[in-house]
Amino acid sequence: MPVYEYKCEKCNKVFEILASIREKEKGLKAVCPKCKGKRVYQIFRKINIVTSSKIESDDFSSDLGDMPKGDEGGGEESSPDLGDVGEME
């Protein structure tokens, strides 16, 4: 079951919710466990894809558009440009 990470706009608490994809698609109603705030947004972090020959990494945070920016606990890292990754084995 996937873990979804959220951040509260009110108290800046970062928290996780364990939910099925079906539950997420139906519209998860995330509530901050610290302040019970309902103004929360999902955080997207780097992911690693492990194959038999190499590890690929991508950072989707640049695709978030006008999402609120804040400290999600990560540093200012830069990802190498992977270019066209192509077909994976």
PDB file of N, CA and C in Angstrom:
ATOM      1  N   MET A   1       0.851  -1.170   0.000  1.00  0.00           N
ATOM      2  CA  MET A   1       0.000   0.000   0.000  1.00  0.00           C
ATOM      3  C   MET A   1       0.905   1.244   0.000  1.00  0.00           C
ATOM      4  N   PRO A   2       0.623   2.208  -0.855  1.00  0.00           N
ATOM      5  CA  PRO A   2       1.465   3.409  -0.942  1.00  0.00           C
ATOM      6  C   PRO A   2       1.346   4.299   0.293  1.00  0.00           C
ATOM      7  N   VAL A   3       2.425   5.022   0.554  1.00  0.00           N
ATOM      8  CA  VAL A   3       2.457   6.021   1.622  1.00  0.00           C
ATOM      9  C   VAL A   3       2.462   7.386   0.946  1.00  0.00           C
ATOM     10  N   TYR A   4       1.524   8.231   1.324  1.00  0.00           N
ATOM     11  CA  TYR A   4       1.419   9.577   0.760  1.00  0.00           C
ATOM     12  C   TYR A   4       1.886  10.569   1.814  1.00  0.00           C
ATOM     13  N   GLU A   5       2.720  11.512   1.404  1.00  0.00           N
ATOM     14  CA  GLU A   5       3.278  12.481   2.334  1.00  0.00           C
ATOM     15  C   GLU A   5       2.597  13.829   2.132  1.00  0.00           C
ATOM     16  N   TYR A   6       2.222  14.452   3.228  1.00  0.00           N
ATOM     17  CA  TYR A   6       1.521  15.732   3.204  1.00  0.00           C
ATOM     18  C   TYR A   6       2.208  16.728   4.129  1.00  0.00           C
ATOM     19  N   LYS A   7       1.920  18.008   3.891  1.00  0.00           N
ATOM     20  CA  LYS A   7       2.418  19.075   4.758  1.00  0.00           C
ATOM     21  C   LYS A   7       1.262  20.017   5.074  1.00  0.00           C
ATOM     22  N   CYS A   8       1.154  20.407   6.341  1.00  0.00           N
ATOM     23  CA  CYS A   8       0.104  21.309   6.800  1.00  0.00           C
ATOM     24  C   CYS A   8       0.532  22.755   6.577  1.00  0.00           C
ATOM     25  N   GLU A   9      -0.345  23.558   5.985  1.00  0.00           N
ATOM     26  CA  GLU A   9      -0.039  24.968   5.759  1.00  0.00           C
ATOM     27  C   GLU A   9      -0.057  25.768   7.056  1.00  0.00           C
ATOM     28  N   LYS A  10      -0.825  25.311   8.032  1.00  0.00           N
ATOM     29  CA  LYS A  10      -0.980  26.055   9.280  1.00  0.00           C
ATOM     30  C   LYS A  10       0.227  25.896  10.216  1.00  0.00           C
ATOM     31  N   CYS A  11       0.620  24.644  10.486  1.00  0.00           N
ATOM     32  CA  CYS A  11       1.689  24.401  11.464  1.00  0.00           C
ATOM     33  C   CYS A  11       2.974  23.844  10.842  1.00  0.00           C
ATOM     34  N   ASN A  12       2.988  23.627   9.525  1.00  0.00           N
ATOM     35  CA  ASN A  12       4.141  23.108   8.782  1.00  0.00           C
ATOM     36  C   ASN A  12       4.526  21.674   9.139  1.00  0.00           C
ATOM     37  N   LYS A  13       3.647  20.949   9.776  1.00  0.00           N
ATOM     38  CA  LYS A  13       3.902  19.547  10.115  1.00  0.00           C
ATOM     39  C   LYS A  13       3.892  18.704   8.848  1.00  0.00           C
ATOM     40  N   VAL A  14       4.913  17.873   8.674  1.00  0.00           N
ATOM     41  CA  VAL A  14       4.958  16.912   7.576  1.00  0.00           C
ATOM     42  C   VAL A  14       4.521  15.569   8.146  1.00  0.00           C
ATOM     43  N   PHE A  15       3.567  14.925   7.474  1.00  0.00           N
ATOM     44  CA  PHE A  15       3.055  13.652   7.968  1.00  0.00           C
ATOM     45  C   PHE A  15       2.738  12.732   6.805  1.00  0.00           C
ATOM     46  N   GLU A  16       2.566  11.453   7.114  1.00  0.00           N
ATOM     47  CA  GLU A  16       2.303  10.443   6.096  1.00  0.00           C
ATOM     48  C   GLU A  16       0.937   9.814   6.303  1.00  0.00           C
ATOM     49  N   ILE A  17       0.345   9.383   5.202  1.00  0.00           N
ATOM     50  CA  ILE A  17      -0.918   8.656   5.243  1.00  0.00           C
ATOM     51  C   ILE A  17      -0.736   7.380   4.425  1.00  0.00           C
ATOM     52  N   LEU A  18      -1.051   6.258   5.029  1.00  0.00           N
ATOM     53  CA  LEU A  18      -1.005   4.973   4.347  1.00  0.00           C
ATOM     54  C   LEU A  18      -2.399   4.707   3.795  1.00  0.00           C
ATOM     55  N   ALA A  19      -2.519   4.618   2.482  1.00  0.00           N
ATOM     56  CA  ALA A  19      -3.827   4.427   1.853  1.00  0.00           C
ATOM     57  C   ALA A  19      -3.656   3.688   0.533  1.00  0.00           C
ATOM     58  N   SER A  20      -4.687   2.967   0.140  1.00  0.00           N
ATOM     59  CA  SER A  20      -4.639   2.275  -1.143  1.00  0.00           C
ATOM     60  C   SER A  20      -4.785   3.293  -2.274  1.00  0.00           C
ATOM     61  N   ILE A  21      -4.411   2.891  -3.453  1.00  0.00           N
ATOM     62  CA  ILE A  21      -4.560   3.758  -4.623  1.00  0.00           C
ATOM     63  C   ILE A  21      -6.038   4.069  -4.839  1.00  0.00           C
ATOM     64  N   ARG A  22      -6.889   3.098  -4.615  1.00  0.00           N
ATOM     65  CA  ARG A  22      -8.333   3.298  -4.760  1.00  0.00           C
ATOM     66  C   ARG A  22      -8.839   4.386  -3.801  1.00  0.00           C
ATOM     67  N   GLU A  23      -8.387   4.332  -2.535  1.00  0.00           N
ATOM     68  CA  GLU A  23      -8.775   5.355  -1.560  1.00  0.00           C
ATOM     69  C   GLU A  23      -8.289   6.741  -2.001  1.00  0.00           C
ATOM     70  N   LYS A  24      -7.081   6.795  -2.523  1.00  0.00           N
ATOM     71  CA  LYS A  24      -6.502   8.072  -2.981  1.00  0.00           C
ATOM     72  C   LYS A  24      -7.305   8.625  -4.160  1.00  0.00           C
ATOM     73  N   GLU A  25      -7.661   7.751  -5.096  1.00  0.00           N
ATOM     74  CA  GLU A  25      -8.413   8.189  -6.269  1.00  0.00           C
ATOM     75  C   GLU A  25      -9.821   8.676  -5.898  1.00  0.00           C
ATOM     76  N   LYS A  26     -10.406   8.114  -4.852  1.00  0.00           N
ATOM     77  CA  LYS A  26     -11.735   8.540  -4.414  1.00  0.00           C
ATOM     78  C   LYS A  26     -11.697   9.906  -3.742  1.00  0.00           C
ATOM     79  N   GLY A  27     -10.524  10.355  -3.359  1.00  0.00           N
ATOM     80  CA  GLY A  27     -10.394  11.665  -2.728  1.00  0.00           C
ATOM     81  C   GLY A  27     -10.083  11.556  -1.248  1.00  0.00           C
ATOM     82  N   LEU A  28      -8.825  11.420  -0.946  1.00  0.00           N
ATOM     83  CA  LEU A  28      -8.386  11.311   0.431  1.00  0.00           C
ATOM     84  C   LEU A  28      -8.577  12.648   1.136  1.00  0.00           C
ATOM     85  N   LYS A  29      -9.165  12.643   2.292  1.00  0.00           N
ATOM     86  CA  LYS A  29      -9.372  13.858   3.088  1.00  0.00           C
ATOM     87  C   LYS A  29      -8.306  13.895   4.170  1.00  0.00           C
ATOM     88  N   ALA A  30      -7.136  14.429   3.833  1.00  0.00           N
ATOM     89  CA  ALA A  30      -6.021  14.484   4.776  1.00  0.00           C
ATOM     90  C   ALA A  30      -6.248  15.592   5.806  1.00  0.00           C
ATOM     91  N   VAL A  31      -5.985  15.258   7.073  1.00  0.00           N
ATOM     92  CA  VAL A  31      -6.107  16.201   8.176  1.00  0.00           C
ATOM     93  C   VAL A  31      -4.812  16.131   8.976  1.00  0.00           C
ATOM     94  N   CYS A  32      -4.270  17.276   9.350  1.00  0.00           N
ATOM     95  CA  CYS A  32      -3.029  17.327  10.098  1.00  0.00           C
ATOM     96  C   CYS A  32      -3.214  16.678  11.471  1.00  0.00           C
ATOM     97  N   PRO A  33      -2.344  15.734  11.811  1.00  0.00           N
ATOM     98  CA  PRO A  33      -2.473  15.073  13.111  1.00  0.00           C
ATOM     99  C   PRO A  33      -2.064  15.979  14.279  1.00  0.00           C
ATOM    100  N   LYS A  34      -1.302  17.037  13.998  1.00  0.00           N
ATOM    101  CA  LYS A  34      -0.831  17.928  15.062  1.00  0.00           C
ATOM    102  C   LYS A  34      -1.874  18.985  15.432  1.00  0.00           C
ATOM    103  N   CYS A  35      -2.344  19.752  14.427  1.00  0.00           N
ATOM    104  CA  CYS A  35      -3.251  20.879  14.712  1.00  0.00           C
ATOM    105  C   CYS A  35      -4.664  20.652  14.184  1.00  0.00           C
ATOM    106  N   LYS A  36      -4.895  19.494  13.557  1.00  0.00           N
ATOM    107  CA  LYS A  36      -6.192  19.140  12.962  1.00  0.00           C
ATOM    108  C   LYS A  36      -6.571  20.036  11.790  1.00  0.00           C
ATOM    109  N   GLY A  37      -5.573  20.737  11.231  1.00  0.00           N
ATOM    110  CA  GLY A  37      -5.806  21.605  10.078  1.00  0.00           C
ATOM    111  C   GLY A  37      -6.174  20.802   8.840  1.00  0.00           C
ATOM    112  N   LYS A  38      -7.033  21.376   8.018  1.00  0.00           N
ATOM    113  CA  LYS A  38      -7.474  20.710   6.794  1.00  0.00           C
ATOM    114  C   LYS A  38      -6.817  21.295   5.548  1.00  0.00           C
ATOM    115  N   ARG A  39      -6.044  22.359   5.705  1.00  0.00           N
ATOM    116  CA  ARG A  39      -5.330  22.956   4.581  1.00  0.00           C
ATOM    117  C   ARG A  39      -3.963  22.301   4.470  1.00  0.00           C
ATOM    118  N   VAL A  40      -3.961  21.142   3.850  1.00  0.00           N
ATOM    119  CA  VAL A  40      -2.737  20.374   3.674  1.00  0.00           C
ATOM    120  C   VAL A  40      -2.527  20.124   2.183  1.00  0.00           C
ATOM    121  N   TYR A  41      -1.294  19.900   1.806  1.00  0.00           N
ATOM    122  CA  TYR A  41      -1.004  19.590   0.411  1.00  0.00           C
ATOM    123  C   TYR A  41      -0.008  18.442   0.348  1.00  0.00           C
ATOM    124  N   GLN A  42      -0.088  17.694  -0.727  1.00  0.00           N
ATOM    125  CA  GLN A  42       0.771  16.531  -0.887  1.00  0.00           C
ATOM    126  C   GLN A  42       2.168  16.966  -1.300  1.00  0.00           C
ATOM    127  N   ILE A  43       3.155  16.301  -0.737  1.00  0.00           N
ATOM    128  CA  ILE A  43       4.561  16.548  -1.057  1.00  0.00           C
ATOM    129  C   ILE A  43       5.027  15.431  -1.978  1.00  0.00           C
ATOM    130  N   PHE A  44       5.760  15.799  -3.004  1.00  0.00           N
ATOM    131  CA  PHE A  44       6.342  14.820  -3.913  1.00  0.00           C
ATOM    132  C   PHE A  44       7.854  14.928  -3.787  1.00  0.00           C
ATOM    133  N   ARG A  45       8.486  13.849  -3.433  1.00  0.00           N
ATOM    134  CA  ARG A  45       9.935  13.841  -3.238  1.00  0.00           C
ATOM    135  C   ARG A  45      10.599  13.036  -4.337  1.00  0.00           C
ATOM    136  N   LYS A  46      11.923  12.996  -4.285  1.00  0.00           N
ATOM    137  CA  LYS A  46      12.678  12.200  -5.242  1.00  0.00           C
ATOM    138  C   LYS A  46      12.301  10.735  -5.108  1.00  0.00           C
ATOM    139  N   ILE A  47      12.333  10.054  -6.237  1.00  0.00           N
ATOM    140  CA  ILE A  47      12.140   8.607  -6.215  1.00  0.00           C
ATOM    141  C   ILE A  47      13.347   7.960  -6.870  1.00  0.00           C
ATOM    142  N   ASN A  48      13.647   6.771  -6.467  1.00  0.00           N
ATOM    143  CA  ASN A  48      14.714   5.990  -7.082  1.00  0.00           C
ATOM    144  C   ASN A  48      14.092   4.770  -7.733  1.00  0.00           C
ATOM    145  N   ILE A  49      14.552   4.475  -8.925  1.00  0.00           N
ATOM    146  CA  ILE A  49      14.097   3.293  -9.642  1.00  0.00           C
ATOM    147  C   ILE A  49      15.298   2.369  -9.754  1.00  0.00           C
ATOM    148  N   VAL A  50      15.181   1.190  -9.173  1.00  0.00           N
ATOM    149  CA  VAL A  50      16.293   0.248  -9.162  1.00  0.00           C
ATOM    150  C   VAL A  50      16.038  -0.821 -10.204  1.00  0.00           C
ATOM    151  N   THR A  51      17.009  -1.007 -11.077  1.00  0.00           N
ATOM    152  CA  THR A  51      16.945  -2.085 -12.067  1.00  0.00           C
ATOM    153  C   THR A  51      18.147  -2.987 -11.840  1.00  0.00           C
ATOM    154  N   SER A  52      18.262  -4.024 -12.617  1.00  0.00           N
ATOM    155  CA  SER A  52      19.374  -4.953 -12.439  1.00  0.00           C
ATOM    156  C   SER A  52      20.726  -4.326 -12.779  1.00  0.00           C
ATOM    157  N   SER A  53      20.732  -3.257 -13.568  1.00  0.00           N
ATOM    158  CA  SER A  53      22.015  -2.715 -14.011  1.00  0.00           C
ATOM    159  C   SER A  53      22.344  -1.320 -13.478  1.00  0.00           C
ATOM    160  N   LYS A  54      21.340  -0.561 -13.021  1.00  0.00           N
ATOM    161  CA  LYS A  54      21.642   0.805 -12.600  1.00  0.00           C
ATOM    162  C   LYS A  54      20.514   1.362 -11.738  1.00  0.00           C
ATOM    163  N   ILE A  55      20.772   2.507 -11.133  1.00  0.00           N
ATOM    164  CA  ILE A  55      19.768   3.212 -10.348  1.00  0.00           C
ATOM    165  C   ILE A  55      19.491   4.537 -11.035  1.00  0.00           C
ATOM    166  N   GLU A  56      18.234   4.804 -11.321  1.00  0.00           N
ATOM    167  CA  GLU A  56      17.810   6.069 -11.913  1.00  0.00           C
ATOM    168  C   GLU A  56      17.103   6.880 -10.846  1.00  0.00           C
ATOM    169  N   SER A  57      17.218   8.186 -10.904  1.00  0.00           N
ATOM    170  CA  SER A  57      16.562   9.040  -9.922  1.00  0.00           C
ATOM    171  C   SER A  57      15.889  10.178 -10.654  1.00  0.00           C
ATOM    172  N   ASP A  58      14.711  10.582 -10.160  1.00  0.00           N
ATOM    173  CA  ASP A  58      14.021  11.708 -10.763  1.00  0.00           C
ATOM    174  C   ASP A  58      13.410  12.539  -9.657  1.00  0.00           C
ATOM    175  N   ASP A  59      13.314  13.836  -9.875  1.00  0.00           N
ATOM    176  CA  ASP A  59      12.737  14.746  -8.901  1.00  0.00           C
ATOM    177  C   ASP A  59      11.563  15.428  -9.575  1.00  0.00           C
ATOM    178  N   PHE A  60      10.340  15.064  -9.163  1.00  0.00           N
ATOM    179  CA  PHE A  60       9.142  15.587  -9.784  1.00  0.00           C
ATOM    180  C   PHE A  60       8.716  16.928  -9.208  1.00  0.00           C
ATOM    181  N   SER A  61       9.439  17.446  -8.222  1.00  0.00           N
ATOM    182  CA  SER A  61       9.013  18.687  -7.570  1.00  0.00           C
ATOM    183  C   SER A  61       8.991  19.861  -8.537  1.00  0.00           C
ATOM    184  N   SER A  62       9.777  19.818  -9.617  1.00  0.00           N
ATOM    185  CA  SER A  62       9.755  20.921 -10.577  1.00  0.00           C
ATOM    186  C   SER A  62       8.478  20.930 -11.405  1.00  0.00           C
ATOM    187  N   ASP A  63       7.718  19.823 -11.387  1.00  0.00           N
ATOM    188  CA  ASP A  63       6.479  19.725 -12.151  1.00  0.00           C
ATOM    189  C   ASP A  63       5.247  20.104 -11.346  1.00  0.00           C
ATOM    190  N   LEU A  64       5.433  20.657 -10.144  1.00  0.00           N
ATOM    191  CA  LEU A  64       4.303  20.917  -9.268  1.00  0.00           C
ATOM    192  C   LEU A  64       3.602  22.231  -9.544  1.00  0.00           C
ATOM    193  N   GLY A  65       4.132  23.064 -10.401  1.00  0.00           N
ATOM    194  CA  GLY A  65       3.471  24.319 -10.738  1.00  0.00           C
ATOM    195  C   GLY A  65       3.427  25.284  -9.575  1.00  0.00           C
ATOM    196  N   ASP A  66       2.231  25.714  -9.189  1.00  0.00           N
ATOM    197  CA  ASP A  66       2.068  26.718  -8.155  1.00  0.00           C
ATOM    198  C   ASP A  66       1.868  26.124  -6.768  1.00  0.00           C
ATOM    199  N   MET A  67       2.376  24.943  -6.502  1.00  0.00           N
ATOM    200  CA  MET A  67       2.252  24.350  -5.174  1.00  0.00           C
ATOM    201  C   MET A  67       2.982  25.236  -4.180  1.00  0.00           C
ATOM    202  N   PRO A  68       2.488  25.317  -2.943  1.00  0.00           N
ATOM    203  CA  PRO A  68       3.180  26.108  -1.914  1.00  0.00           C
ATOM    204  C   PRO A  68       4.575  25.562  -1.705  1.00  0.00           C
ATOM    205  N   LYS A  69       5.517  26.453  -1.539  1.00  0.00           N
ATOM    206  CA  LYS A  69       6.899  26.049  -1.334  1.00  0.00           C
ATOM    207  C   LYS A  69       7.219  26.180   0.143  1.00  0.00           C
ATOM    208  N   GLY A  70       8.046  25.295   0.647  1.00  0.00           N
ATOM    209  CA  GLY A  70       8.437  25.350   2.039  1.00  0.00           C
ATOM    210  C   GLY A  70       9.502  24.321   2.302  1.00  0.00           C
ATOM    211  N   ASP A  71       9.908  24.221   3.540  1.00  0.00           N
ATOM    212  CA  ASP A  71      10.928  23.265   3.918  1.00  0.00           C
ATOM    213  C   ASP A  71      10.287  21.905   4.102  1.00  0.00           C
ATOM    214  N   GLU A  72      10.556  20.991   3.183  1.00  0.00           N
ATOM    215  CA  GLU A  72      10.025  19.648   3.295  1.00  0.00           C
ATOM    216  C   GLU A  72      11.045  18.735   3.944  1.00  0.00           C
ATOM    217  N   GLY A  73      12.031  19.319   4.579  1.00  0.00           N
ATOM    218  CA  GLY A  73      13.013  18.506   5.270  1.00  0.00           C
ATOM    219  C   GLY A  73      14.192  18.117   4.401  1.00  0.00           C
ATOM    220  N   GLY A  74      14.194  18.454   3.147  1.00  0.00           N
ATOM    221  CA  GLY A  74      15.296  18.106   2.259  1.00  0.00           C
ATOM    222  C   GLY A  74      16.161  19.311   1.977  1.00  0.00           C
ATOM    223  N   GLY A  75      17.377  19.057   1.606  1.00  0.00           N
ATOM    224  CA  GLY A  75      18.283  20.145   1.274  1.00  0.00           C
ATOM    225  C   GLY A  75      18.119  20.560  -0.162  1.00  0.00           C
ATOM    226  N   GLU A  76      18.896  21.509  -0.558  1.00  0.00           N
ATOM    227  CA  GLU A  76      18.873  21.982  -1.943  1.00  0.00           C
ATOM    228  C   GLU A  76      19.780  21.078  -2.763  1.00  0.00           C
ATOM    229  N   GLU A  77      19.267  19.954  -3.196  1.00  0.00           N
ATOM    230  CA  GLU A  77      20.047  19.029  -4.001  1.00  0.00           C
ATOM    231  C   GLU A  77      19.709  19.238  -5.467  1.00  0.00           C
ATOM    232  N   SER A  78      20.673  18.986  -6.321  1.00  0.00           N
ATOM    233  CA  SER A  78      20.380  19.061  -7.742  1.00  0.00           C
ATOM    234  C   SER A  78      20.525  17.668  -8.326  1.00  0.00           C
ATOM    235  N   SER A  79      19.580  17.285  -9.149  1.00  0.00           N
ATOM    236  CA  SER A  79      19.601  15.974  -9.781  1.00  0.00           C
ATOM    237  C   SER A  79      20.301  16.079 -11.121  1.00  0.00           C
ATOM    238  N   PRO A  80      21.075  15.066 -11.472  1.00  0.00           N
ATOM    239  CA  PRO A  80      21.696  15.088 -12.794  1.00  0.00           C
ATOM    240  C   PRO A  80      20.633  14.953 -13.866  1.00  0.00           C
ATOM    241  N   ASP A  81      20.887  15.556 -15.018  1.00  0.00           N
ATOM    242  CA  ASP A  81      19.948  15.449 -16.127  1.00  0.00           C
ATOM    243  C   ASP A  81      20.076  14.053 -16.711  1.00  0.00           C
ATOM    244  N   LEU A  82      18.996  13.271 -16.621  1.00  0.00           N
ATOM    245  CA  LEU A  82      19.034  11.891 -17.081  1.00  0.00           C
ATOM    246  C   LEU A  82      18.765  11.756 -18.568  1.00  0.00           C
ATOM    247  N   GLY A  83      18.304  12.832 -19.183  1.00  0.00           N
ATOM    248  CA  GLY A  83      18.000  12.797 -20.603  1.00  0.00           C
ATOM    249  C   GLY A  83      16.942  11.762 -20.914  1.00  0.00           C
ATOM    250  N   ASP A  84      17.053  11.105 -22.033  1.00  0.00           N
ATOM    251  CA  ASP A  84      16.101  10.081 -22.430  1.00  0.00           C
ATOM    252  C   ASP A  84      16.536   8.761 -21.817  1.00  0.00           C
ATOM    253  N   VAL A  85      15.860   8.322 -20.772  1.00  0.00           N
ATOM    254  CA  VAL A  85      16.225   7.105 -20.078  1.00  0.00           C
ATOM    255  C   VAL A  85      15.994   5.881 -20.953  1.00  0.00           C
ATOM    256  N   GLY A  86      14.966   5.930 -21.778  1.00  0.00           N
ATOM    257  CA  GLY A  86      14.701   4.836 -22.696  1.00  0.00           C
ATOM    258  C   GLY A  86      14.017   3.670 -21.997  1.00  0.00           C
ATOM    259  N   GLU A  87      14.060   2.525 -22.619  1.00  0.00           N
ATOM    260  CA  GLU A  87      13.371   1.346 -22.091  1.00  0.00           C
ATOM    261  C   GLU A  87      14.168   0.738 -20.956  1.00  0.00           C
ATOM    262  N   MET A  88      13.453   0.379 -19.894  1.00  0.00           N
ATOM    263  CA  MET A  88      14.106  -0.219 -18.743  1.00  0.00           C
ATOM    264  C   MET A  88      13.914  -1.730 -18.794  1.00  0.00           C
ATOM    265  N   GLU A  89      14.910  -2.462 -18.272  1.00  0.00           N
ATOM    266  CA  GLU A  89      14.851  -3.933 -18.288  1.00  0.00           C
ATOM    267  C   GLU A  89      14.061  -4.454 -17.129  1.00  0.00           C
TER     268      GLU A  89
END
